């Protein structure tokens, strides 16, 4: 599945292809620059909002100019020499065999050039790797196909949630994309829940994955770090400007790689504290007792909300699925009296990750969504799954 070209962040090539595609397609939807994200016909790196990103931009232009000067100098001298000293005007080739002067020059000059390039590059790389003394540490876990964020140190410690592509954008994509003329600058970049961080604070990002290799990248911050199952990597940023900043998984991670955006919301210290307080209240409200026995009506209503937030994007609201995504309406595993089969699928996934694991959901949420699917649409099984059933299956 192809990712929208502009969201690849390869500026010169992507801007050319986007311009050509827009000119040739009469059905293309209207699009403008996205603050903190990709821009139309973008020919440069993203506007930097961290010192590291600014230094990377400077380094990029320094290297480009230096290499251009070297290219022009070398080929200029070469073409001048070929033309000025050509045989047709009577020149004879000089013999520089074992010339100490020539060998010293072509050794010293490249060495100086390499040093000029290595010193500023090394300074930036060392700064990029210094994740010490962070004000806030967040673990970003890549999973097919969403990001899990766990605030593990600093203000907000204990907060955790998943961030996935907004369901309305996924539905638009399933139906061929936005209609002609509709302005959607954040198409396929909008998420249901962004990562929130305070401005002017050092944020350490720890990356890992629970299935395949992903990569966490936000161009405006100048960060890109692989997320590898079984390994822990880290990077950091300090955003100097309040706003919304967008990125994507940039490691080909499966059939829905195109639907794995990153949205970081940078807010003031006061707004961040207010967000933390609100999130902790939500977590306390969601802290269900896994031993509670729910009535069929209660747990079905709860399951409807869980399904809408996590499952409808792929299986659709009507449970019919789409393309390779299997239907739940009338599915044998849903109608089966052995509820453990469906519990196992939600906990472990199936078909090599085409149906991802949902272990990050609570036992109550998994029990609720299974009960909902078993008693919705044409599935009128009357079966109820309790949180205790899921708790037992996890062991």
Protein backbone atom coordinates (compact mmCIF):
# COMPACT_ATOMS: atom_id res chain seq x y z
CA UNK A 1 0.00 0.00 0.00
CA UNK A 2 1.49 3.30 -1.08
CA UNK A 3 2.00 6.14 1.37
CA UNK A 4 0.97 9.59 0.19
CA UNK A 5 4.08 10.93 -1.50
CA UNK A 6 4.25 14.18 0.39
CA UNK A 7 4.22 12.39 3.74
CA UNK A 8 7.51 10.63 2.97
CA UNK A 9 9.34 13.87 3.80
CA UNK A 10 11.85 13.48 0.96
CA UNK A 11 11.49 17.12 0.03
CA UNK A 12 12.83 17.75 -3.51
CA UNK A 13 11.55 14.55 -5.13
CA UNK A 14 8.25 14.51 -3.26
CA UNK A 15 7.43 18.12 -4.10
CA UNK A 16 8.05 17.51 -7.79
CA UNK A 17 5.91 14.38 -7.87
CA UNK A 18 3.11 15.98 -5.85
CA UNK A 19 3.04 18.96 -8.21
CA UNK A 20 2.93 16.68 -11.26
CA UNK A 21 0.27 14.45 -9.73
CA UNK A 22 -1.90 17.42 -8.80
CA UNK A 23 -1.62 18.86 -12.30
CA UNK A 24 -2.55 15.60 -14.00
CA UNK A 25 -5.34 14.44 -11.68
CA UNK A 26 -8.73 16.12 -11.88
CA UNK A 27 -9.88 14.25 -8.77
CA UNK A 28 -7.08 15.45 -6.48
CA UNK A 29 -8.30 17.08 -3.28
CA UNK A 30 -7.15 20.57 -2.33
CA UNK A 31 -4.12 20.66 -0.07
CA UNK A 32 -2.01 23.39 1.53
CA UNK A 33 0.97 23.65 3.82
CA UNK A 34 0.55 21.88 7.17
CA UNK A 35 2.18 23.84 10.03
CA UNK A 36 4.56 21.45 11.75
CA UNK A 37 4.19 19.00 8.86
CA UNK A 38 4.84 18.69 5.13
CA UNK A 39 4.45 21.64 2.79
CA UNK A 40 3.33 21.83 -0.82
CA UNK A 41 6.32 21.84 -3.22
CA UNK A 42 8.67 21.72 -0.28
CA UNK A 43 12.30 22.21 -1.35
CA UNK A 44 14.02 22.36 2.00
CA UNK A 45 14.08 20.66 5.38
CA UNK A 46 11.19 21.33 7.76
CA UNK A 47 11.35 24.59 9.73
CA UNK A 48 13.33 23.73 12.86
CA UNK A 49 11.79 24.09 16.31
CA UNK A 50 14.73 22.59 18.20
CA UNK A 51 18.41 23.59 18.32
CA UNK A 52 19.39 20.14 17.05
CA UNK A 53 17.13 20.49 14.00
CA UNK A 54 18.55 23.97 13.34
CA UNK A 55 22.11 22.63 13.52
CA UNK A 56 21.19 19.79 11.19
CA UNK A 57 19.82 22.31 8.68
CA UNK A 58 23.01 24.40 8.93
CA UNK A 59 25.13 21.27 8.54
CA UNK A 60 23.09 20.22 5.50
CA UNK A 61 23.69 23.53 3.71
CA UNK A 62 27.35 23.70 4.80
CA UNK A 63 28.03 20.25 3.33
CA UNK A 64 26.07 21.01 0.19
CA UNK A 65 27.93 24.27 -0.45
CA UNK A 66 31.31 22.73 0.37
CA UNK A 67 30.72 19.77 -1.96
CA UNK A 68 29.48 22.12 -4.70
CA UNK A 69 32.62 24.25 -4.40
CA UNK A 70 34.82 21.15 -4.56
CA UNK A 71 32.89 19.83 -7.56
CA UNK A 72 33.17 23.10 -9.45
CA UNK A 73 36.86 23.52 -8.59
CA UNK A 74 37.89 19.98 -9.54
CA UNK A 75 35.91 19.78 -12.76
CA UNK A 76 36.74 23.37 -13.64
CA UNK A 77 40.46 22.69 -13.42
CA UNK A 78 40.05 19.40 -15.26
CA UNK A 79 38.08 20.85 -18.18
CA UNK A 80 40.32 23.92 -18.36
CA UNK A 81 43.40 21.69 -18.50
CA UNK A 82 41.89 19.44 -21.16
CA UNK A 83 40.92 22.39 -23.33
CA UNK A 84 43.95 24.65 -22.78
CA UNK A 85 46.56 21.92 -23.10
CA UNK A 86 45.02 19.80 -25.83
CA UNK A 87 47.31 18.04 -28.29
CA UNK A 88 45.73 19.78 -31.30
CA UNK A 89 47.35 23.10 -30.33
CA UNK A 90 50.79 21.58 -29.82
CA UNK A 91 50.89 20.75 -26.12
CA UNK A 92 52.62 17.64 -24.87
CA UNK A 93 51.66 15.74 -21.72
CA UNK A 94 53.89 16.43 -18.71
CA UNK A 95 55.31 13.54 -16.68
CA UNK A 96 54.52 13.72 -12.95
CA UNK A 97 55.67 10.18 -12.17
CA UNK A 98 56.65 9.91 -8.48
CA UNK A 99 56.27 13.63 -7.93
CA UNK A 100 56.54 14.21 -4.18
CA UNK A 101 54.88 17.60 -4.47
CA UNK A 102 51.79 16.22 -6.21
CA UNK A 103 51.43 13.35 -3.75
CA UNK A 104 51.76 15.67 -0.74
CA UNK A 105 49.18 18.06 -2.16
CA UNK A 106 46.58 15.41 -2.99
CA UNK A 107 47.03 13.92 0.49
CA UNK A 108 46.93 17.12 2.55
CA UNK A 109 44.08 18.86 0.72
CA UNK A 110 41.53 15.99 1.08
CA UNK A 111 42.60 15.56 4.71
CA UNK A 112 41.83 19.20 5.45
CA UNK A 113 38.49 18.90 3.66
CA UNK A 114 37.56 15.81 5.69
CA UNK A 115 38.45 17.57 8.94
CA UNK A 116 36.35 20.59 7.95
CA UNK A 117 33.40 18.27 7.38
CA UNK A 118 33.98 15.97 10.38
CA UNK A 119 34.29 18.58 13.14
CA UNK A 120 30.82 20.19 12.87
CA UNK A 121 29.19 16.83 12.01
CA UNK A 122 30.71 15.18 15.09
CA UNK A 123 29.55 18.04 17.30
CA UNK A 124 25.94 17.63 16.12
CA UNK A 125 25.99 13.82 16.39
CA UNK A 126 27.37 13.90 19.94
CA UNK A 127 24.65 16.40 20.93
CA UNK A 128 21.98 14.20 19.34
CA UNK A 129 23.08 11.23 21.46
CA UNK A 130 23.15 13.08 24.79
CA UNK A 131 19.90 11.98 26.43
CA UNK A 132 21.02 12.75 29.99
CA UNK A 133 19.23 15.08 32.41
CA UNK A 134 15.85 14.79 30.69
CA UNK A 135 12.88 16.57 32.27
CA UNK A 136 10.44 13.99 30.91
CA UNK A 137 10.92 10.43 29.64
CA UNK A 138 8.38 8.83 27.32
CA UNK A 139 8.50 5.31 25.91
CA UNK A 140 7.22 5.11 22.33
CA UNK A 141 6.27 1.57 21.37
CA UNK A 142 5.70 0.80 17.71
CA UNK A 143 2.98 -1.71 16.96
CA UNK A 144 1.07 -2.66 13.84
CA UNK A 145 -0.17 -0.02 13.17
CA UNK A 146 -0.19 2.55 15.90
CA UNK A 147 2.07 4.03 18.58
CA UNK A 148 1.87 3.37 22.29
CA UNK A 149 3.07 6.17 24.59
CA UNK A 150 4.00 5.54 28.23
CA UNK A 151 5.13 8.45 30.41
CA UNK A 152 7.67 6.73 32.64
CA UNK A 153 9.56 9.58 34.34
CA UNK A 154 8.78 13.18 35.19
CA UNK A 155 5.48 15.03 35.39
CA UNK A 156 2.80 12.73 34.04
CA UNK A 157 4.49 9.53 35.17
CA UNK A 158 2.05 6.62 34.90
CA UNK A 159 0.06 7.98 31.97
CA UNK A 160 -0.16 5.61 29.02
CA UNK A 161 -2.25 5.38 25.87
CA UNK A 162 -2.19 4.35 22.22
CA UNK A 163 -2.27 6.79 19.32
CA UNK A 164 -3.71 5.66 16.00
CA UNK A 165 -4.80 7.20 12.73
CA UNK A 166 -8.10 9.04 13.12
CA UNK A 167 -10.95 6.70 12.18
CA UNK A 168 -12.54 9.27 9.85
CA UNK A 169 -9.33 9.54 7.81
CA UNK A 170 -9.07 5.78 7.53
CA UNK A 171 -12.65 5.63 6.31
CA UNK A 172 -11.91 8.33 3.73
CA UNK A 173 -8.90 6.34 2.53
CA UNK A 174 -11.00 3.17 2.25
CA UNK A 175 -13.42 5.10 0.04
CA UNK A 176 -10.81 6.54 -2.30
CA UNK A 177 -9.69 9.61 -0.36
CA UNK A 178 -11.17 13.10 0.13
CA UNK A 179 -13.54 14.45 -2.47
CA UNK A 180 -12.24 16.82 -5.13
CA UNK A 181 -11.90 20.35 -3.80
CA UNK A 182 -12.05 19.34 -0.13
CA UNK A 183 -9.20 20.95 1.85
CA UNK A 184 -7.48 18.44 4.17
CA UNK A 185 -3.92 19.54 4.90
CA UNK A 186 -3.53 16.82 7.57
CA UNK A 187 -4.91 13.93 5.49
CA UNK A 188 -3.54 10.63 6.87
CA UNK A 189 -1.61 12.57 9.53
CA UNK A 190 -4.43 13.14 12.03
CA UNK A 191 -4.46 10.87 15.08
CA UNK A 192 -7.07 10.10 17.69
CA UNK A 193 -4.77 11.03 20.58
CA UNK A 194 -1.48 12.96 20.20
CA UNK A 195 1.58 12.82 22.41
CA UNK A 196 1.53 15.94 24.60
CA UNK A 197 4.75 17.53 25.92
CA UNK A 198 5.67 20.86 27.57
CA UNK A 199 7.59 23.54 25.68
CA UNK A 200 11.27 24.25 26.52
CA UNK A 201 11.69 20.95 28.37
CA UNK A 202 14.13 18.16 27.47
CA UNK A 203 12.06 15.17 26.37
CA UNK A 204 13.74 11.79 26.19
CA UNK A 205 12.06 9.31 23.85
CA UNK A 206 12.75 5.63 24.43
CA UNK A 207 11.79 3.54 21.40
CA UNK A 208 10.97 -0.14 21.12
CA UNK A 209 8.42 -2.31 19.30
CA UNK A 210 6.29 -5.33 20.06
CA UNK A 211 6.08 -6.91 16.60
CA UNK A 212 8.30 -5.69 13.73
CA UNK A 213 10.80 -2.86 13.22
CA UNK A 214 9.28 0.62 13.19
CA UNK A 215 10.95 4.04 13.21
CA UNK A 216 9.95 7.17 15.12
CA UNK A 217 10.59 10.38 13.19
CA UNK A 218 9.47 14.00 13.63
CA UNK A 219 11.33 16.17 11.07
CA UNK A 220 10.66 19.49 12.83
CA UNK A 221 12.50 18.14 15.90
CA UNK A 222 15.35 16.62 13.91
CA UNK A 223 14.81 13.17 15.43
CA UNK A 224 14.61 9.73 13.86
CA UNK A 225 15.11 6.56 15.87
CA UNK A 226 14.41 2.92 14.99
CA UNK A 227 12.03 1.00 17.25
CA UNK A 228 13.21 -2.63 17.30
CA UNK A 229 11.49 -5.55 19.08
CA UNK A 230 13.56 -6.70 22.05
CA UNK A 231 15.80 -3.62 22.00
CA UNK A 232 15.62 -0.21 23.63
CA UNK A 233 16.93 2.86 21.78
CA UNK A 234 16.61 6.49 22.74
CA UNK A 235 16.69 10.03 21.38
CA UNK A 236 15.62 13.44 22.65
CA UNK A 237 14.31 16.85 21.72
CA UNK A 238 13.57 20.21 23.32
CA UNK A 239 10.83 22.03 21.41
CA UNK A 240 11.19 25.81 21.57
CA UNK A 241 7.83 26.69 20.07
CA UNK A 242 4.26 25.76 21.04
CA UNK A 243 2.35 24.01 18.26
CA UNK A 244 1.46 20.74 16.55
CA UNK A 245 4.22 18.73 14.87
CA UNK A 246 3.78 15.73 12.63
CA UNK A 247 5.82 12.72 11.63
CA UNK A 248 5.39 9.10 10.62
CA UNK A 249 6.79 5.64 10.99
CA UNK A 250 9.56 5.63 8.37
CA UNK A 251 10.42 1.94 8.43
CA UNK A 252 8.35 -0.28 6.12
CA UNK A 253 6.41 -2.19 8.78
CA UNK A 254 3.62 -3.99 6.95
CA UNK A 255 0.57 -3.47 4.79
CA UNK A 256 -0.73 -0.50 6.81
CA UNK A 257 2.59 1.31 7.11
CA UNK A 258 0.89 4.29 5.42
CA UNK A 259 -1.53 4.60 8.34
CA UNK A 260 0.92 5.07 11.24
CA UNK A 261 1.31 8.83 11.79
CA UNK A 262 2.92 10.63 14.72
CA UNK A 263 1.45 13.80 16.21
CA UNK A 264 3.30 15.65 18.98
CA UNK A 265 1.45 18.52 20.62
CA UNK A 266 3.74 21.03 22.34
CA UNK A 267 1.96 23.13 24.97
CA UNK A 268 2.83 25.58 27.73
CA UNK A 269 3.89 24.30 31.14
CA UNK A 270 0.53 25.34 32.61
CA UNK A 271 -1.46 23.61 29.87
CA UNK A 272 0.69 20.50 30.23
CA UNK A 273 0.00 20.30 33.98
CA UNK A 274 -3.72 20.66 33.27
CA UNK A 275 -3.52 17.88 30.66
CA UNK A 276 -1.71 15.59 33.10
CA UNK A 277 -4.37 16.18 35.74
CA UNK A 278 -7.18 15.42 33.28
CA UNK A 279 -5.47 12.26 31.99
CA UNK A 280 -4.93 10.89 35.48
CA UNK A 281 -8.60 11.40 36.25
CA UNK A 282 -9.49 9.47 33.09
CA UNK A 283 -7.11 6.65 34.04
CA UNK A 284 -8.64 6.43 37.50
CA UNK A 285 -12.10 6.22 35.97
CA UNK A 286 -10.99 3.44 33.63
CA UNK A 287 -9.35 1.37 36.35
CA UNK A 288 -11.94 -1.39 36.17
CA UNK A 289 -12.02 -4.26 38.63
CA UNK A 290 -11.16 -7.36 36.53
CA UNK A 291 -13.15 -9.53 38.93
CA UNK A 292 -16.37 -7.59 38.40
CA UNK A 293 -19.21 -9.55 36.82
CA UNK A 294 -21.00 -7.39 34.24
CA UNK A 295 -24.52 -7.68 32.96
CA UNK A 296 -24.91 -8.40 29.25
CA UNK A 297 -26.34 -4.93 28.57
CA UNK A 298 -23.60 -3.08 30.50
CA UNK A 299 -20.67 -4.88 28.91
CA UNK A 300 -22.17 -4.69 25.41
CA UNK A 301 -22.53 -0.91 25.69
CA UNK A 302 -18.93 -0.68 26.90
CA UNK A 303 -17.83 -2.91 24.04
CA UNK A 304 -19.51 -0.66 21.48
CA UNK A 305 -17.26 2.23 22.56
CA UNK A 306 -14.13 0.07 22.51
CA UNK A 307 -15.01 -1.20 19.03
CA UNK A 308 -15.57 2.32 17.67
CA UNK A 309 -12.24 3.53 19.06
CA UNK A 310 -10.05 0.59 18.06
CA UNK A 311 -11.70 -1.80 15.59
CA UNK A 312 -14.06 0.11 13.31
CA UNK A 313 -11.23 1.68 11.30
CA UNK A 314 -10.41 -1.73 9.78
CA UNK A 315 -13.48 -3.91 10.26
CA UNK A 316 -15.85 -0.98 9.56
CA UNK A 317 -18.78 0.10 11.71
CA UNK A 318 -21.00 -2.51 10.04
CA UNK A 319 -18.55 -5.34 10.80
CA UNK A 320 -18.23 -6.24 7.11
CA UNK A 321 -14.46 -5.70 6.83
CA UNK A 322 -12.80 -4.45 3.66
CA UNK A 323 -10.30 -5.98 1.27
CA UNK A 324 -7.97 -8.30 3.22
CA UNK A 325 -9.63 -7.36 6.53
CA UNK A 326 -12.03 -10.15 7.47
CA UNK A 327 -15.67 -9.50 8.32
CA UNK A 328 -16.84 -9.97 11.90
CA UNK A 329 -20.51 -10.09 10.97
CA UNK A 330 -21.22 -13.80 10.53
CA UNK A 331 -17.59 -14.82 11.21
CA UNK A 332 -17.22 -18.42 12.38
CA UNK A 333 -14.85 -17.55 15.24
CA UNK A 334 -17.29 -14.92 16.53
CA UNK A 335 -20.27 -17.29 16.37
CA UNK A 336 -18.31 -20.17 17.93
CA UNK A 337 -19.49 -21.16 21.40
CA UNK A 338 -15.85 -21.47 22.49
CA UNK A 339 -15.15 -17.85 23.46
CA UNK A 340 -11.49 -18.65 24.18
CA UNK A 341 -10.77 -18.71 20.44
CA UNK A 342 -11.67 -15.06 19.98
CA UNK A 343 -9.91 -14.08 23.21
CA UNK A 344 -6.71 -15.73 21.93
CA UNK A 345 -6.88 -13.79 18.66
CA UNK A 346 -7.25 -10.44 20.44
CA UNK A 347 -4.39 -11.21 22.81
CA UNK A 348 -1.96 -12.65 20.26
CA UNK A 349 -3.14 -11.52 16.82
CA UNK A 350 -3.17 -13.80 13.81
CA UNK A 351 -2.16 -14.17 10.14
CA UNK A 352 1.40 -12.91 10.76
CA UNK A 353 0.23 -9.61 12.17
CA UNK A 354 -2.45 -8.75 9.61
CA UNK A 355 -4.71 -8.91 12.66
CA UNK A 356 -2.54 -7.22 15.35
CA UNK A 357 -2.46 -8.20 19.00
CA UNK A 358 -4.44 -6.01 21.38
CA UNK A 359 -2.74 -6.89 24.67
CA UNK A 360 -2.54 -3.21 25.51
CA UNK A 361 -6.31 -3.15 26.12
CA UNK A 362 -7.49 -3.99 29.63
CA UNK A 363 -9.18 -7.29 30.43
CA UNK A 364 -12.50 -5.46 30.74
CA UNK A 365 -12.09 -3.75 27.35
CA UNK A 366 -11.24 -7.02 25.57
CA UNK A 367 -14.14 -8.83 27.23
CA UNK A 368 -16.47 -5.97 26.32
CA UNK A 369 -15.52 -5.75 22.65
CA UNK A 370 -15.80 -9.52 22.20
CA UNK A 371 -19.23 -9.50 23.81
CA UNK A 372 -20.25 -6.64 21.53
CA UNK A 373 -19.17 -8.48 18.36
CA UNK A 374 -20.91 -11.67 19.49
CA UNK A 375 -24.20 -9.82 19.92
CA UNK A 376 -24.22 -7.17 17.21
CA UNK A 377 -25.23 -7.06 13.53
CA UNK A 378 -26.50 -10.54 12.59
CA UNK A 379 -24.48 -12.14 15.40
CA UNK A 380 -27.11 -12.81 18.05
CA UNK A 381 -25.31 -15.48 20.06
CA UNK A 382 -26.38 -14.28 23.50
CA UNK A 383 -22.85 -15.07 24.74
CA UNK A 384 -21.22 -12.87 27.37
CA UNK A 385 -17.47 -12.72 28.00
CA UNK A 386 -16.39 -11.51 31.44
CA UNK A 387 -13.04 -9.81 32.32
CA UNK A 388 -12.10 -12.85 34.41
CA UNK A 389 -12.14 -14.97 31.23
CA UNK A 390 -9.53 -12.69 29.66
CA UNK A 391 -7.46 -12.58 32.84
CA UNK A 392 -7.29 -16.37 32.84
CA UNK A 393 -6.28 -16.44 29.15
CA UNK A 394 -3.36 -14.05 29.73
CA UNK A 395 -1.71 -16.49 32.15
